[in-house]
Amino acid sequence: PYIRLDAHLKSGFFVFSCKNSAAREWMQGKKEQETGPTHGLGLKIIRQISERYGDLMETERGTDDYKVMLAIPLDQPSK
């Protein structure tokens, strides 16, 4: 198992990405939205943040990993 986190500024955005290993069984048979004893609420919370700041979120599944990237505009009026 591994996890790789990256945070940087790019073209007026704060960009955060998280890439981690994922079991093949989960990659093939489970949905992102599922939660349970082995699944947390992380993607649901990240999706809510993304929607609040312009819906700039991407997810990507590899053969044995999963990546989430979130870009938040830095010059944002207060909400």
C-alpha atoms as a PDB file:
ATOM      1  CA  PRO A   1       0.000   0.000   0.000  1.00  0.00           C
ATOM      2  CA  TYR A   2       1.089   3.557  -0.679  1.00  0.00           C
ATOM      3  CA  ILE A   3      -0.221   7.101  -0.812  1.00  0.00           C
ATOM      4  CA  ARG A   4       1.262  10.084  -2.660  1.00  0.00           C
ATOM      5  CA  LEU A   5       0.132  13.612  -1.832  1.00  0.00           C
ATOM      6  CA  ASP A   6       0.961  16.716  -3.838  1.00  0.00           C
ATOM      7  CA  ALA A   7      -0.025  20.354  -3.284  1.00  0.00           C
ATOM      8  CA  HIS A   8       1.098  23.285  -5.401  1.00  0.00           C
ATOM      9  CA  LEU A   9       0.010  26.565  -6.990  1.00  0.00           C
ATOM     10  CA  LYS A  10      -0.646  26.676 -10.728  1.00  0.00           C
ATOM     11  CA  SER A  11      -2.167  29.468 -12.838  1.00  0.00           C
ATOM     12  CA  GLY A  12      -4.146  31.005  -9.969  1.00  0.00           C
ATOM     13  CA  PHE A  13      -5.301  27.686  -8.498  1.00  0.00           C
ATOM     14  CA  PHE A  14      -4.355  25.707  -5.412  1.00  0.00           C
ATOM     15  CA  VAL A  15      -3.984  22.173  -6.786  1.00  0.00           C
ATOM     16  CA  PHE A  16      -4.104  19.165  -4.475  1.00  0.00           C
ATOM     17  CA  SER A  17      -3.790  15.584  -5.636  1.00  0.00           C
ATOM     18  CA  CYS A  18      -3.849  12.280  -3.839  1.00  0.00           C
ATOM     19  CA  LYS A  19      -2.870   9.001  -5.458  1.00  0.00           C
ATOM     20  CA  ASN A  20      -3.052   5.759  -3.546  1.00  0.00           C
ATOM     21  CA  SER A  21      -3.013   2.047  -4.116  1.00  0.00           C
ATOM     22  CA  ALA A  22      -6.351   0.273  -4.266  1.00  0.00           C
ATOM     23  CA  ALA A  23      -7.238  -3.401  -4.142  1.00  0.00           C
ATOM     24  CA  ARG A  24      -8.338  -4.820  -7.487  1.00  0.00           C
ATOM     25  CA  GLU A  25     -11.582  -6.113  -5.949  1.00  0.00           C
ATOM     26  CA  TRP A  26     -12.518  -2.557  -4.964  1.00  0.00           C
ATOM     27  CA  MET A  27     -11.504  -1.149  -8.328  1.00  0.00           C
ATOM     28  CA  GLN A  28     -13.668  -3.653 -10.224  1.00  0.00           C
ATOM     29  CA  GLY A  29     -16.735  -4.067  -8.057  1.00  0.00           C
ATOM     30  CA  LYS A  30     -17.327  -1.033  -5.874  1.00  0.00           C
ATOM     31  CA  LYS A  31     -18.749   2.398  -6.610  1.00  0.00           C
ATOM     32  CA  GLU A  32     -17.088   5.624  -5.411  1.00  0.00           C
ATOM     33  CA  GLN A  33     -20.188   6.593  -3.465  1.00  0.00           C
ATOM     34  CA  GLU A  34     -20.255   3.449  -1.339  1.00  0.00           C
ATOM     35  CA  THR A  35     -19.348   3.742   2.289  1.00  0.00           C
ATOM     36  CA  GLY A  36     -19.072   1.040   4.867  1.00  0.00           C
ATOM     37  CA  PRO A  37     -16.659  -0.482   7.329  1.00  0.00           C
ATOM     38  CA  THR A  38     -13.752  -0.360   4.847  1.00  0.00           C
ATOM     39  CA  HIS A  39     -14.745   2.834   2.992  1.00  0.00           C
ATOM     40  CA  GLY A  40     -14.694   6.322   4.456  1.00  0.00           C
ATOM     41  CA  LEU A  41     -16.486   9.528   3.572  1.00  0.00           C
ATOM     42  CA  GLY A  42     -13.419  11.171   2.024  1.00  0.00           C
ATOM     43  CA  LEU A  43     -14.653  11.488  -1.566  1.00  0.00           C
ATOM     44  CA  LYS A  44     -18.035  12.792  -0.446  1.00  0.00           C
ATOM     45  CA  ILE A  45     -16.369  15.561   1.577  1.00  0.00           C
ATOM     46  CA  ILE A  46     -13.928  16.402  -1.227  1.00  0.00           C
ATOM     47  CA  ARG A  47     -16.825  16.562  -3.716  1.00  0.00           C
ATOM     48  CA  GLN A  48     -18.665  19.015  -1.430  1.00  0.00           C
ATOM     49  CA  ILE A  49     -15.580  21.251  -1.213  1.00  0.00           C
ATOM     50  CA  SER A  50     -15.157  21.062  -4.985  1.00  0.00           C
ATOM     51  CA  GLU A  51     -18.755  22.105  -5.631  1.00  0.00           C
ATOM     52  CA  ARG A  52     -18.398  25.029  -3.207  1.00  0.00           C
ATOM     53  CA  TYR A  53     -15.333  26.360  -5.069  1.00  0.00           C
ATOM     54  CA  GLY A  54     -16.195  25.818  -8.725  1.00  0.00           C
ATOM     55  CA  ASP A  55     -16.477  22.037  -9.237  1.00  0.00           C
ATOM     56  CA  LEU A  56     -12.889  21.484 -10.371  1.00  0.00           C
ATOM     57  CA  MET A  57     -12.375  17.869  -9.342  1.00  0.00           C
ATOM     58  CA  GLU A  58     -11.155  14.872 -11.307  1.00  0.00           C
ATOM     59  CA  THR A  59     -10.910  11.233 -10.348  1.00  0.00           C
ATOM     60  CA  GLU A  60      -8.921   8.617 -12.189  1.00  0.00           C
ATOM     61  CA  ARG A  61      -8.736   4.856 -11.756  1.00  0.00           C
ATOM     62  CA  GLY A  62      -5.658   2.952 -12.798  1.00  0.00           C
ATOM     63  CA  THR A  63      -5.151  -0.797 -12.841  1.00  0.00           C
ATOM     64  CA  ASP A  64      -4.167  -0.853  -9.161  1.00  0.00           C
ATOM     65  CA  ASP A  65      -4.438   2.758  -7.965  1.00  0.00           C
ATOM     66  CA  TYR A  66      -6.855   5.645  -7.612  1.00  0.00           C
ATOM     67  CA  LYS A  67      -6.190   9.382  -8.024  1.00  0.00           C
ATOM     68  CA  VAL A  68      -8.187  12.432  -6.958  1.00  0.00           C
ATOM     69  CA  MET A  69      -7.214  15.941  -8.067  1.00  0.00           C
ATOM     70  CA  LEU A  70      -8.839  19.089  -6.724  1.00  0.00           C
ATOM     71  CA  ALA A  71      -8.162  22.614  -8.047  1.00  0.00           C
ATOM     72  CA  ILE A  72      -9.466  25.564  -6.004  1.00  0.00           C
ATOM     73  CA  PRO A  73      -9.355  29.086  -7.505  1.00  0.00           C
ATOM     74  CA  LEU A  74      -7.314  31.401  -5.259  1.00  0.00           C
ATOM     75  CA  ASP A  75      -9.042  34.630  -6.280  1.00  0.00           C
ATOM     76  CA  GLN A  76     -12.544  33.748  -5.087  1.00  0.00           C
ATOM     77  CA  PRO A  77     -15.214  36.117  -3.702  1.00  0.00           C
ATOM     78  CA  SER A  78     -16.349  35.270  -0.172  1.00  0.00           C
ATOM     79  CA  LYS A  79     -19.328  32.941   0.124  1.00  0.00           C
END
